[in-house]
Amino acid sequence: MKIAVTSRDPDLHSEVDPRFGRAPYILVVDSDSMEYEVIDNRENAESLKGAGIQAASSVSKKGAQVLITGHCGPNAFRALQAAGIKVVNGAEGTVEKTINDYLEGKLREAEEPDVEGRW
């Protein structure tokens, strides 16, 4: 399974970034091998609007089935849902730990966004 996780730096030992659209990096991790691709999201992170929708498009293009992040706003949440990507909010800790927590059932999928847009 491919799991996308927002990250402050481009490696598995980085802290999860609490923002989806404005996270500097998004790691797309194969949960079987823990090999990963890095999406450099810094350009999106600094855009005036549409950062979440652009980040959702990038995650979808990489084939992620799940997104783990701290918080996800309504526009990005809808875009991810439309792409068939499950969203998990409230993540903390390192990217690697967060993936393991999800795989162990410690994190739940969100049914709705948990913040207003552009927070």
PDB file of N, CA and C in Angstrom:
ATOM      1  N   MET A   1       0.855  -1.169   0.000  1.00  0.00           N
ATOM      2  CA  MET A   1       0.000   0.000   0.000  1.00  0.00           C
ATOM      3  C   MET A   1       0.902   1.233   0.000  1.00  0.00           C
ATOM      4  N   LYS A   2       0.502   2.245  -0.764  1.00  0.00           N
ATOM      5  CA  LYS A   2       1.239   3.508  -0.769  1.00  0.00           C
ATOM      6  C   LYS A   2       0.551   4.476   0.189  1.00  0.00           C
ATOM      7  N   ILE A   3       1.341   4.983   1.130  1.00  0.00           N
ATOM      8  CA  ILE A   3       0.842   5.908   2.142  1.00  0.00           C
ATOM      9  C   ILE A   3       1.614   7.216   2.014  1.00  0.00           C
ATOM     10  N   ALA A   4       0.886   8.314   1.840  1.00  0.00           N
ATOM     11  CA  ALA A   4       1.506   9.639   1.780  1.00  0.00           C
ATOM     12  C   ALA A   4       1.468  10.257   3.173  1.00  0.00           C
ATOM     13  N   VAL A   5       2.576  10.878   3.571  1.00  0.00           N
ATOM     14  CA  VAL A   5       2.669  11.511   4.888  1.00  0.00           C
ATOM     15  C   VAL A   5       3.315  12.880   4.728  1.00  0.00           C
ATOM     16  N   THR A   6       2.685  13.908   5.304  1.00  0.00           N
ATOM     17  CA  THR A   6       3.278  15.242   5.266  1.00  0.00           C
ATOM     18  C   THR A   6       4.503  15.266   6.177  1.00  0.00           C
ATOM     19  N   SER A   7       5.543  15.963   5.730  1.00  0.00           N
ATOM     20  CA  SER A   7       6.804  15.907   6.455  1.00  0.00           C
ATOM     21  C   SER A   7       7.523  17.256   6.440  1.00  0.00           C
ATOM     22  N   ARG A   8       8.253  17.519   7.505  1.00  0.00           N
ATOM     23  CA  ARG A   8       9.034  18.758   7.592  1.00  0.00           C
ATOM     24  C   ARG A   8      10.348  18.656   6.830  1.00  0.00           C
ATOM     25  N   ASP A   9      10.859  17.442   6.656  1.00  0.00           N
ATOM     26  CA  ASP A   9      12.104  17.192   5.932  1.00  0.00           C
ATOM     27  C   ASP A   9      11.910  15.965   5.041  1.00  0.00           C
ATOM     28  N   PRO A  10      12.827  15.734   4.101  1.00  0.00           N
ATOM     29  CA  PRO A  10      12.618  14.664   3.122  1.00  0.00           C
ATOM     30  C   PRO A  10      13.122  13.276   3.523  1.00  0.00           C
ATOM     31  N   ASP A  11      12.841  12.829   4.756  1.00  0.00           N
ATOM     32  CA  ASP A  11      13.221  11.456   5.120  1.00  0.00           C
ATOM     33  C   ASP A  11      12.263  10.888   6.165  1.00  0.00           C
ATOM     34  N   LEU A  12      12.338   9.575   6.370  1.00  0.00           N
ATOM     35  CA  LEU A  12      11.409   8.862   7.253  1.00  0.00           C
ATOM     36  C   LEU A  12      11.536   9.254   8.718  1.00  0.00           C
ATOM     37  N   HIS A  13      12.669   9.808   9.106  1.00  0.00           N
ATOM     38  CA  HIS A  13      12.885  10.172  10.502  1.00  0.00           C
ATOM     39  C   HIS A  13      12.465  11.608  10.804  1.00  0.00           C
ATOM     40  N   SER A  14      11.923  12.273   9.803  1.00  0.00           N
ATOM     41  CA  SER A  14      11.442  13.646   9.964  1.00  0.00           C
ATOM     42  C   SER A  14      10.141  13.670  10.742  1.00  0.00           C
ATOM     43  N   GLU A  15       9.861  14.823  11.332  1.00  0.00           N
ATOM     44  CA  GLU A  15       8.589  15.020  12.017  1.00  0.00           C
ATOM     45  C   GLU A  15       7.475  15.219  10.992  1.00  0.00           C
ATOM     46  N   VAL A  16       6.299  14.697  11.306  1.00  0.00           N
ATOM     47  CA  VAL A  16       5.133  14.931  10.474  1.00  0.00           C
ATOM     48  C   VAL A  16       4.802  16.419  10.516  1.00  0.00           C
ATOM     49  N   ASP A  17       4.558  17.006   9.352  1.00  0.00           N
ATOM     50  CA  ASP A  17       4.138  18.407   9.323  1.00  0.00           C
ATOM     51  C   ASP A  17       2.636  18.443   9.558  1.00  0.00           C
ATOM     52  N   PRO A  18       2.156  19.325  10.430  1.00  0.00           N
ATOM     53  CA  PRO A  18       0.729  19.334  10.745  1.00  0.00           C
ATOM     54  C   PRO A  18      -0.155  19.875   9.625  1.00  0.00           C
ATOM     55  N   ARG A  19       0.439  20.515   8.618  1.00  0.00           N
ATOM     56  CA  ARG A  19      -0.336  21.111   7.529  1.00  0.00           C
ATOM     57  C   ARG A  19      -0.245  20.227   6.297  1.00  0.00           C
ATOM     58  N   PHE A  20      -1.366  19.994   5.636  1.00  0.00           N
ATOM     59  CA  PHE A  20      -1.299  19.200   4.416  1.00  0.00           C
ATOM     60  C   PHE A  20      -0.792  20.026   3.237  1.00  0.00           C
ATOM     61  N   GLY A  21      -1.562  20.972   2.788  1.00  0.00           N
ATOM     62  CA  GLY A  21      -1.212  21.720   1.591  1.00  0.00           C
ATOM     63  C   GLY A  21       0.047  22.548   1.706  1.00  0.00           C
ATOM     64  N   ARG A  22       0.402  22.922   2.912  1.00  0.00           N
ATOM     65  CA  ARG A  22       1.555  23.796   3.113  1.00  0.00           C
ATOM     66  C   ARG A  22       2.752  23.092   3.746  1.00  0.00           C
ATOM     67  N   ALA A  23       2.720  21.782   3.791  1.00  0.00           N
ATOM     68  CA  ALA A  23       3.888  21.020   4.254  1.00  0.00           C
ATOM     69  C   ALA A  23       4.992  21.140   3.206  1.00  0.00           C
ATOM     70  N   PRO A  24       6.244  21.309   3.621  1.00  0.00           N
ATOM     71  CA  PRO A  24       7.309  21.431   2.628  1.00  0.00           C
ATOM     72  C   PRO A  24       7.552  20.146   1.824  1.00  0.00           C
ATOM     73  N   TYR A  25       7.292  18.995   2.451  1.00  0.00           N
ATOM     74  CA  TYR A  25       7.495  17.713   1.774  1.00  0.00           C
ATOM     75  C   TYR A  25       6.334  16.780   2.072  1.00  0.00           C
ATOM     76  N   ILE A  26       6.101  15.891   1.125  1.00  0.00           N
ATOM     77  CA  ILE A  26       5.163  14.800   1.329  1.00  0.00           C
ATOM     78  C   ILE A  26       5.899  13.540   0.892  1.00  0.00           C
ATOM     79  N   LEU A  27       6.002  12.586   1.798  1.00  0.00           N
ATOM     80  CA  LEU A  27       6.662  11.326   1.478  1.00  0.00           C
ATOM     81  C   LEU A  27       5.600  10.302   1.097  1.00  0.00           C
ATOM     82  N   VAL A  28       5.803   9.616  -0.004  1.00  0.00           N
ATOM     83  CA  VAL A  28       4.901   8.555  -0.433  1.00  0.00           C
ATOM     84  C   VAL A  28       5.644   7.242  -0.206  1.00  0.00           C
ATOM     85  N   VAL A  29       5.180   6.504   0.800  1.00  0.00           N
ATOM     86  CA  VAL A  29       5.905   5.340   1.310  1.00  0.00           C
ATOM     87  C   VAL A  29       5.192   4.054   0.943  1.00  0.00           C
ATOM     88  N   ASP A  30       5.947   3.077   0.437  1.00  0.00           N
ATOM     89  CA  ASP A  30       5.414   1.735   0.218  1.00  0.00           C
ATOM     90  C   ASP A  30       5.448   1.041   1.573  1.00  0.00           C
ATOM     91  N   SER A  31       4.285   0.709   2.101  1.00  0.00           N
ATOM     92  CA  SER A  31       4.217   0.164   3.465  1.00  0.00           C
ATOM     93  C   SER A  31       4.834  -1.225   3.585  1.00  0.00           C
ATOM     94  N   ASP A  32       5.026  -1.933   2.484  1.00  0.00           N
ATOM     95  CA  ASP A  32       5.649  -3.262   2.540  1.00  0.00           C
ATOM     96  C   ASP A  32       7.167  -3.174   2.650  1.00  0.00           C
ATOM     97  N   SER A  33       7.764  -2.278   1.853  1.00  0.00           N
ATOM     98  CA  SER A  33       9.230  -2.200   1.806  1.00  0.00           C
ATOM     99  C   SER A  33       9.795  -0.994   2.552  1.00  0.00           C
ATOM    100  N   MET A  34       8.935  -0.012   2.876  1.00  0.00           N
ATOM    101  CA  MET A  34       9.320   1.270   3.468  1.00  0.00           C
ATOM    102  C   MET A  34      10.209   2.099   2.532  1.00  0.00           C
ATOM    103  N   GLU A  35      10.238   1.730   1.246  1.00  0.00           N
ATOM    104  CA  GLU A  35      10.884   2.596   0.261  1.00  0.00           C
ATOM    105  C   GLU A  35       9.940   3.761   0.008  1.00  0.00           C
ATOM    106  N   TYR A  36      10.509   4.925  -0.336  1.00  0.00           N
ATOM    107  CA  TYR A  36       9.654   6.096  -0.485  1.00  0.00           C
ATOM    108  C   TYR A  36      10.134   7.036  -1.580  1.00  0.00           C
ATOM    109  N   GLU A  37       9.176   7.825  -2.051  1.00  0.00           N
ATOM    110  CA  GLU A  37       9.429   8.919  -2.976  1.00  0.00           C
ATOM    111  C   GLU A  37       9.137  10.209  -2.226  1.00  0.00           C
ATOM    112  N   VAL A  38       9.848  11.260  -2.569  1.00  0.00           N
ATOM    113  CA  VAL A  38       9.640  12.553  -1.931  1.00  0.00           C
ATOM    114  C   VAL A  38       8.967  13.500  -2.920  1.00  0.00           C
ATOM    115  N   ILE A  39       7.854  14.080  -2.494  1.00  0.00           N
ATOM    116  CA  ILE A  39       7.238  15.162  -3.247  1.00  0.00           C
ATOM    117  C   ILE A  39       7.721  16.456  -2.608  1.00  0.00           C
ATOM    118  N   ASP A  40       8.424  17.262  -3.401  1.00  0.00           N
ATOM    119  CA  ASP A  40       8.868  18.565  -2.917  1.00  0.00           C
ATOM    120  C   ASP A  40       7.688  19.522  -3.082  1.00  0.00           C
ATOM    121  N   ASN A  41       7.057  19.866  -1.987  1.00  0.00           N
ATOM    122  CA  ASN A  41       5.837  20.664  -1.996  1.00  0.00           C
ATOM    123  C   ASN A  41       6.094  22.127  -1.635  1.00  0.00           C
ATOM    124  N   ARG A  42       7.362  22.544  -1.599  1.00  0.00           N
ATOM    125  CA  ARG A  42       7.692  23.894  -1.141  1.00  0.00           C
ATOM    126  C   ARG A  42       7.093  24.984  -2.026  1.00  0.00           C
ATOM    127  N   GLU A  43       7.021  24.745  -3.318  1.00  0.00           N
ATOM    128  CA  GLU A  43       6.414  25.749  -4.199  1.00  0.00           C
ATOM    129  C   GLU A  43       4.932  25.913  -3.886  1.00  0.00           C
ATOM    130  N   ASN A  44       4.222  24.793  -3.722  1.00  0.00           N
ATOM    131  CA  ASN A  44       2.806  24.839  -3.340  1.00  0.00           C
ATOM    132  C   ASN A  44       2.637  25.503  -1.984  1.00  0.00           C
ATOM    133  N   ALA A  45       3.517  25.194  -1.061  1.00  0.00           N
ATOM    134  CA  ALA A  45       3.399  25.679   0.309  1.00  0.00           C
ATOM    135  C   ALA A  45       3.395  27.203   0.374  1.00  0.00           C
ATOM    136  N   GLU A  46       4.022  27.835  -0.593  1.00  0.00           N
ATOM    137  CA  GLU A  46       4.114  29.288  -0.580  1.00  0.00           C
ATOM    138  C   GLU A  46       3.103  29.973  -1.490  1.00  0.00           C
ATOM    139  N   SER A  47       2.245  29.195  -2.146  1.00  0.00           N
ATOM    140  CA  SER A  47       1.254  29.801  -3.039  1.00  0.00           C
ATOM    141  C   SER A  47       0.172  30.516  -2.224  1.00  0.00           C
ATOM    142  N   LEU A  48      -0.437  31.508  -2.819  1.00  0.00           N
ATOM    143  CA  LEU A  48      -1.450  32.294  -2.121  1.00  0.00           C
ATOM    144  C   LEU A  48      -2.728  31.514  -1.888  1.00  0.00           C
ATOM    145  N   LYS A  49      -3.115  30.664  -2.840  1.00  0.00           N
ATOM    146  CA  LYS A  49      -4.313  29.849  -2.655  1.00  0.00           C
ATOM    147  C   LYS A  49      -4.186  28.576  -3.470  1.00  0.00           C
ATOM    148  N   GLY A  50      -5.002  27.593  -3.126  1.00  0.00           N
ATOM    149  CA  GLY A  50      -5.016  26.332  -3.865  1.00  0.00           C
ATOM    150  C   GLY A  50      -3.932  25.347  -3.483  1.00  0.00           C
ATOM    151  N   ALA A  51      -3.206  25.610  -2.390  1.00  0.00           N
ATOM    152  CA  ALA A  51      -2.099  24.731  -2.007  1.00  0.00           C
ATOM    153  C   ALA A  51      -2.588  23.309  -1.717  1.00  0.00           C
ATOM    154  N   GLY A  52      -3.707  23.188  -1.018  1.00  0.00           N
ATOM    155  CA  GLY A  52      -4.221  21.857  -0.674  1.00  0.00           C
ATOM    156  C   GLY A  52      -4.666  21.069  -1.885  1.00  0.00           C
ATOM    157  N   ILE A  53      -5.315  21.741  -2.824  1.00  0.00           N
ATOM    158  CA  ILE A  53      -5.777  21.054  -4.037  1.00  0.00           C
ATOM    159  C   ILE A  53      -4.589  20.611  -4.885  1.00  0.00           C
ATOM    160  N   GLN A  54      -3.564  21.455  -4.999  1.00  0.00           N
ATOM    161  CA  GLN A  54      -2.366  21.082  -5.749  1.00  0.00           C
ATOM    162  C   GLN A  54      -1.634  19.921  -5.079  1.00  0.00           C
ATOM    163  N   ALA A  55      -1.534  19.960  -3.761  1.00  0.00           N
ATOM    164  CA  ALA A  55      -0.880  18.870  -3.035  1.00  0.00           C
ATOM    165  C   ALA A  55      -1.672  17.571  -3.203  1.00  0.00           C
ATOM    166  N   ALA A  56      -3.000  17.662  -3.179  1.00  0.00           N
ATOM    167  CA  ALA A  56      -3.850  16.476  -3.377  1.00  0.00           C
ATOM    168  C   ALA A  56      -3.606  15.872  -4.757  1.00  0.00           C
ATOM    169  N   SER A  57      -3.465  16.720  -5.758  1.00  0.00           N
ATOM    170  CA  SER A  57      -3.186  16.247  -7.114  1.00  0.00           C
ATOM    171  C   SER A  57      -1.842  15.521  -7.168  1.00  0.00           C
ATOM    172  N   SER A  58      -0.836  16.067  -6.516  1.00  0.00           N
ATOM    173  CA  SER A  58       0.493  15.440  -6.487  1.00  0.00           C
ATOM    174  C   SER A  58       0.448  14.073  -5.808  1.00  0.00           C
ATOM    175  N   VAL A  59      -0.267  13.990  -4.703  1.00  0.00           N
ATOM    176  CA  VAL A  59      -0.392  12.728  -3.962  1.00  0.00           C
ATOM    177  C   VAL A  59      -1.126  11.695  -4.813  1.00  0.00           C
ATOM    178  N   SER A  60      -2.168  12.124  -5.489  1.00  0.00           N
ATOM    179  CA  SER A  60      -2.936  11.222  -6.346  1.00  0.00           C
ATOM    180  C   SER A  60      -2.080  10.689  -7.494  1.00  0.00           C
ATOM    181  N   LYS A  61      -1.286  11.553  -8.113  1.00  0.00           N
ATOM    182  CA  LYS A  61      -0.435  11.142  -9.234  1.00  0.00           C
ATOM    183  C   LYS A  61       0.591  10.090  -8.821  1.00  0.00           C
ATOM    184  N   LYS A  62       0.986  10.107  -7.563  1.00  0.00           N
ATOM    185  CA  LYS A  62       1.965   9.126  -7.064  1.00  0.00           C
ATOM    186  C   LYS A  62       1.303   7.806  -6.662  1.00  0.00           C
ATOM    187  N   GLY A  63      -0.026   7.735  -6.734  1.00  0.00           N
ATOM    188  CA  GLY A  63      -0.718   6.482  -6.469  1.00  0.00           C
ATOM    189  C   GLY A  63      -0.981   6.180  -5.002  1.00  0.00           C
ATOM    190  N   ALA A  64      -0.924   7.208  -4.157  1.00  0.00           N
ATOM    191  CA  ALA A  64      -1.177   6.974  -2.726  1.00  0.00           C
ATOM    192  C   ALA A  64      -2.634   6.573  -2.500  1.00  0.00           C
ATOM    193  N   GLN A  65      -2.834   5.674  -1.549  1.00  0.00           N
ATOM    194  CA  GLN A  65      -4.180   5.234  -1.195  1.00  0.00           C
ATOM    195  C   GLN A  65      -4.642   5.865   0.113  1.00  0.00           C
ATOM    196  N   VAL A  66      -3.678   6.353   0.896  1.00  0.00           N
ATOM    197  CA  VAL A  66      -3.954   6.966   2.195  1.00  0.00           C
ATOM    198  C   VAL A  66      -3.057   8.182   2.347  1.00  0.00           C
ATOM    199  N   LEU A  67      -3.600   9.235   2.950  1.00  0.00           N
ATOM    200  CA  LEU A  67      -2.807  10.405   3.332  1.00  0.00           C
ATOM    201  C   LEU A  67      -2.858  10.525   4.844  1.00  0.00           C
ATOM    202  N   ILE A  68      -1.681  10.642   5.460  1.00  0.00           N
ATOM    203  CA  ILE A  68      -1.593  10.874   6.903  1.00  0.00           C
ATOM    204  C   ILE A  68      -0.991  12.257   7.101  1.00  0.00           C
ATOM    205  N   THR A  69      -1.677  13.081   7.915  1.00  0.00           N
ATOM    206  CA  THR A  69      -1.229  14.445   8.143  1.00  0.00           C
ATOM    207  C   THR A  69      -1.713  14.910   9.511  1.00  0.00           C
ATOM    208  N   GLY A  70      -1.343  16.115   9.873  1.00  0.00           N
ATOM    209  CA  GLY A  70      -1.852  16.694  11.112  1.00  0.00           C
ATOM    210  C   GLY A  70      -3.277  17.190  10.926  1.00  0.00           C
ATOM    211  N   HIS A  71      -3.474  18.005   9.874  1.00  0.00           N
ATOM    212  CA  HIS A  71      -4.783  18.603   9.623  1.00  0.00           C
ATOM    213  C   HIS A  71      -5.008  18.729   8.128  1.00  0.00           C
ATOM    214  N   CYS A  72      -6.277  18.650   7.726  1.00  0.00           N
ATOM    215  CA  CYS A  72      -6.635  18.763   6.315  1.00  0.00           C
ATOM    216  C   CYS A  72      -7.879  19.635   6.193  1.00  0.00           C
ATOM    217  N   GLY A  73      -7.790  20.669   5.371  1.00  0.00           N
ATOM    218  CA  GLY A  73      -8.914  21.585   5.156  1.00  0.00           C
ATOM    219  C   GLY A  73      -9.945  21.025   4.182  1.00  0.00           C
ATOM    220  N   PRO A  74     -11.053  21.737   4.021  1.00  0.00           N
ATOM    221  CA  PRO A  74     -12.182  21.218   3.254  1.00  0.00           C
ATOM    222  C   PRO A  74     -11.924  21.031   1.756  1.00  0.00           C
ATOM    223  N   ASN A  75     -11.246  21.946   1.111  1.00  0.00           N
ATOM    224  CA  ASN A  75     -11.012  21.802  -0.328  1.00  0.00           C
ATOM    225  C   ASN A  75     -10.085  20.629  -0.626  1.00  0.00           C
ATOM    226  N   ALA A  76      -9.013  20.537   0.130  1.00  0.00           N
ATOM    227  CA  ALA A  76      -8.089  19.423  -0.055  1.00  0.00           C
ATOM    228  C   ALA A  76      -8.769  18.103   0.294  1.00  0.00           C
ATOM    229  N   PHE A  77      -9.558  18.101   1.356  1.00  0.00           N
ATOM    230  CA  PHE A  77     -10.249  16.880   1.767  1.00  0.00           C
ATOM    231  C   PHE A  77     -11.156  16.384   0.643  1.00  0.00           C
ATOM    232  N   ARG A  78     -11.922  17.291   0.036  1.00  0.00           N
ATOM    233  CA  ARG A  78     -12.817  16.901  -1.068  1.00  0.00           C
ATOM    234  C   ARG A  78     -12.019  16.387  -2.266  1.00  0.00           C
ATOM    235  N   ALA A  79     -10.909  17.039  -2.568  1.00  0.00           N
ATOM    236  CA  ALA A  79     -10.082  16.604  -3.697  1.00  0.00           C
ATOM    237  C   ALA A  79      -9.511  15.213  -3.449  1.00  0.00           C
ATOM    238  N   LEU A  80      -9.076  14.959  -2.221  1.00  0.00           N
ATOM    239  CA  LEU A  80      -8.541  13.637  -1.879  1.00  0.00           C
ATOM    240  C   LEU A  80      -9.638  12.574  -1.942  1.00  0.00           C
ATOM    241  N   GLN A  81     -10.815  12.896  -1.412  1.00  0.00           N
ATOM    242  CA  GLN A  81     -11.936  11.964  -1.475  1.00  0.00           C
ATOM    243  C   GLN A  81     -12.292  11.638  -2.925  1.00  0.00           C
ATOM    244  N   ALA A  82     -12.327  12.655  -3.770  1.00  0.00           N
ATOM    245  CA  ALA A  82     -12.663  12.449  -5.182  1.00  0.00           C
ATOM    246  C   ALA A  82     -11.653  11.530  -5.868  1.00  0.00           C
ATOM    247  N   ALA A  83     -10.406  11.560  -5.400  1.00  0.00           N
ATOM    248  CA  ALA A  83      -9.364  10.699  -5.954  1.00  0.00           C
ATOM    249  C   ALA A  83      -9.340   9.317  -5.295  1.00  0.00           C
ATOM    250  N   GLY A  84     -10.230   9.094  -4.331  1.00  0.00           N
ATOM    251  CA  GLY A  84     -10.278   7.800  -3.655  1.00  0.00           C
ATOM    252  C   GLY A  84      -9.206   7.606  -2.607  1.00  0.00           C
ATOM    253  N   ILE A  85      -8.662   8.706  -2.100  1.00  0.00           N
ATOM    254  CA  ILE A  85      -7.599   8.636  -1.093  1.00  0.00           C
ATOM    255  C   ILE A  85      -8.200   8.859   0.288  1.00  0.00           C
ATOM    256  N   LYS A  86      -7.930   7.934   1.200  1.00  0.00           N
ATOM    257  CA  LYS A  86      -8.401   8.064   2.581  1.00  0.00           C
ATOM    258  C   LYS A  86      -7.519   9.072   3.310  1.00  0.00           C
ATOM    259  N   VAL A  87      -8.118   9.825   4.232  1.00  0.00           N
ATOM    260  CA  VAL A  87      -7.399  10.856   4.975  1.00  0.00           C
ATOM    261  C   VAL A  87      -7.365  10.486   6.458  1.00  0.00           C
ATOM    262  N   VAL A  88      -6.193  10.617   7.050  1.00  0.00           N
ATOM    263  CA  VAL A  88      -6.004  10.413   8.486  1.00  0.00           C
ATOM    264  C   VAL A  88      -5.441  11.706   9.046  1.00  0.00           C
ATOM    265  N   ASN A  89      -6.169  12.357   9.943  1.00  0.00           N
ATOM    266  CA  ASN A  89      -5.735  13.591  10.587  1.00  0.00           C
ATOM    267  C   ASN A  89      -5.209  13.302  11.992  1.00  0.00           C
ATOM    268  N   GLY A  90      -4.573  14.293  12.578  1.00  0.00           N
ATOM    269  CA  GLY A  90      -4.139  14.192  13.965  1.00  0.00           C
ATOM    270  C   GLY A  90      -2.813  13.478  14.170  1.00  0.00           C
ATOM    271  N   ALA A  91      -2.045  13.290  13.101  1.00  0.00           N
ATOM    272  CA  ALA A  91      -0.777  12.574  13.216  1.00  0.00           C
ATOM    273  C   ALA A  91       0.289  13.441  13.869  1.00  0.00           C
ATOM    274  N   GLU A  92       1.124  12.803  14.686  1.00  0.00           N
ATOM    275  CA  GLU A  92       2.259  13.455  15.342  1.00  0.00           C
ATOM    276  C   GLU A  92       3.409  12.474  15.401  1.00  0.00           C
ATOM    277  N   GLY A  93       4.613  12.989  15.567  1.00  0.00           N
ATOM    278  CA  GLY A  93       5.785  12.119  15.664  1.00  0.00           C
ATOM    279  C   GLY A  93       6.504  12.044  14.331  1.00  0.00           C
ATOM    280  N   THR A  94       7.333  11.041  14.169  1.00  0.00           N
ATOM    281  CA  THR A  94       8.079  10.888  12.918  1.00  0.00           C
ATOM    282  C   THR A  94       7.200  10.239  11.859  1.00  0.00           C
ATOM    283  N   VAL A  95       7.619  10.396  10.619  1.00  0.00           N
ATOM    284  CA  VAL A  95       6.902   9.781   9.506  1.00  0.00           C
ATOM    285  C   VAL A  95       6.852   8.270   9.696  1.00  0.00           C
ATOM    286  N   GLU A  96       7.979   7.669  10.007  1.00  0.00           N
ATOM    287  CA  GLU A  96       8.055   6.212  10.175  1.00  0.00           C
ATOM    288  C   GLU A  96       7.132   5.721  11.296  1.00  0.00           C
ATOM    289  N   LYS A  97       7.156   6.382  12.441  1.00  0.00           N
ATOM    290  CA  LYS A  97       6.299   5.984  13.561  1.00  0.00           C
ATOM    291  C   LYS A  97       4.823   6.128  13.197  1.00  0.00           C
ATOM    292  N   THR A  98       4.502   7.200  12.506  1.00  0.00           N
ATOM    293  CA  THR A  98       3.119   7.448  12.121  1.00  0.00           C
ATOM    294  C   THR A  98       2.602   6.360  11.185  1.00  0.00           C
ATOM    295  N   ILE A  99       3.432   5.947  10.252  1.00  0.00           N
ATOM    296  CA  ILE A  99       3.026   4.860   9.344  1.00  0.00           C
ATOM    297  C   ILE A  99       2.795   3.584  10.141  1.00  0.00           C
ATOM    298  N   ASN A 100       3.701   3.273  11.042  1.00  0.00           N
ATOM    299  CA  ASN A 100       3.530   2.073  11.866  1.00  0.00           C
ATOM    300  C   ASN A 100       2.271   2.164  12.724  1.00  0.00           C
ATOM    301  N   ASP A 101       2.002   3.331  13.295  1.00  0.00           N
ATOM    302  CA  ASP A 101       0.782   3.518  14.084  1.00  0.00           C
ATOM    303  C   ASP A 101      -0.458   3.270  13.225  1.00  0.00           C
ATOM    304  N   TYR A 102      -0.446   3.762  11.993  1.00  0.00           N
ATOM    305  CA  TYR A 102      -1.597   3.547  11.101  1.00  0.00           C
ATOM    306  C   TYR A 102      -1.768   2.061  10.801  1.00  0.00           C
ATOM    307  N   LEU A 103      -0.678   1.401  10.472  1.00  0.00           N
ATOM    308  CA  LEU A 103      -0.747  -0.018  10.123  1.00  0.00           C
ATOM    309  C   LEU A 103      -1.182  -0.877  11.315  1.00  0.00           C
ATOM    310  N   GLU A 104      -0.896  -0.417  12.519  1.00  0.00           N
ATOM    311  CA  GLU A 104      -1.309  -1.139  13.732  1.00  0.00           C
ATOM    312  C   GLU A 104      -2.718  -0.755  14.179  1.00  0.00           C
ATOM    313  N   GLY A 105      -3.387   0.102  13.418  1.00  0.00           N
ATOM    314  CA  GLY A 105      -4.761   0.485  13.741  1.00  0.00           C
ATOM    315  C   GLY A 105      -4.893   1.538  14.820  1.00  0.00           C
ATOM    316  N   LYS A 106      -3.816   2.243  15.125  1.00  0.00           N
ATOM    317  CA  LYS A 106      -3.848   3.267  16.178  1.00  0.00           C
ATOM    318  C   LYS A 106      -4.355   4.618  15.680  1.00  0.00           C
ATOM    319  N   LEU A 107      -4.425   4.799  14.367  1.00  0.00           N
ATOM    320  CA  LEU A 107      -4.916   6.045  13.783  1.00  0.00           C
ATOM    321  C   LEU A 107      -6.162   5.743  12.965  1.00  0.00           C
ATOM    322  N   ARG A 108      -7.151   6.629  13.056  1.00  0.00           N
ATOM    323  CA  ARG A 108      -8.422   6.423  12.355  1.00  0.00           C
ATOM    324  C   ARG A 108      -8.548   7.340  11.146  1.00  0.00           C
ATOM    325  N   GLU A 109      -9.264   6.837  10.163  1.00  0.00           N
ATOM    326  CA  GLU A 109      -9.536   7.637   8.976  1.00  0.00           C
ATOM    327  C   GLU A 109     -10.572   8.702   9.305  1.00  0.00           C
ATOM    328  N   ALA A 110     -10.376   9.877   8.742  1.00  0.00           N
ATOM    329  CA  ALA A 110     -11.270  11.013   8.986  1.00  0.00           C
ATOM    330  C   ALA A 110     -12.505  10.911   8.092  1.00  0.00           C
ATOM    331  N   GLU A 111     -13.608  11.390   8.613  1.00  0.00           N
ATOM    332  CA  GLU A 111     -14.849  11.436   7.842  1.00  0.00           C
ATOM    333  C   GLU A 111     -15.118  12.819   7.292  1.00  0.00           C
ATOM    334  N   GLU A 112     -14.363  13.802   7.781  1.00  0.00           N
ATOM    335  CA  GLU A 112     -14.554  15.186   7.336  1.00  0.00           C
ATOM    336  C   GLU A 112     -13.275  15.967   7.633  1.00  0.00           C
ATOM    337  N   PRO A 113     -13.125  17.159   7.008  1.00  0.00           N
ATOM    338  CA  PRO A 113     -11.955  17.988   7.311  1.00  0.00           C
ATOM    339  C   PRO A 113     -11.998  18.426   8.772  1.00  0.00           C
ATOM    340  N   ASP A 114     -10.825  18.712   9.316  1.00  0.00           N
ATOM    341  CA  ASP A 114     -10.787  19.103  10.732  1.00  0.00           C
ATOM    342  C   ASP A 114     -10.360  20.544  10.964  1.00  0.00           C
ATOM    343  N   VAL A 115     -10.161  21.303   9.891  1.00  0.00           N
ATOM    344  CA  VAL A 115      -9.859  22.734  10.005  1.00  0.00           C
ATOM    345  C   VAL A 115     -10.547  23.478   8.859  1.00  0.00           C
ATOM    346  N   GLU A 116     -10.669  24.775   9.018  1.00  0.00           N
ATOM    347  CA  GLU A 116     -11.190  25.613   7.937  1.00  0.00           C
ATOM    348  C   GLU A 116     -10.086  25.784   6.903  1.00  0.00           C
ATOM    349  N   GLY A 117     -10.452  26.176   5.705  1.00  0.00           N
ATOM    350  CA  GLY A 117      -9.471  26.416   4.660  1.00  0.00           C
ATOM    351  C   GLY A 117      -8.520  27.534   5.032  1.00  0.00           C
ATOM    352  N   ARG A 118      -7.290  27.452   4.501  1.00  0.00           N
ATOM    353  CA  ARG A 118      -6.257  28.486   4.665  1.00  0.00           C
ATOM    354  C   ARG A 118      -5.931  28.779   6.130  1.00  0.00           C
ATOM    355  N   TRP A 119      -5.894  27.781   6.946  1.00  0.00           N
ATOM    356  CA  TRP A 119      -5.542  28.008   8.349  1.00  0.00           C
ATOM    357  C   TRP A 119      -4.068  28.105   8.426  1.00  0.00           C
TER     358      TRP A 119
END
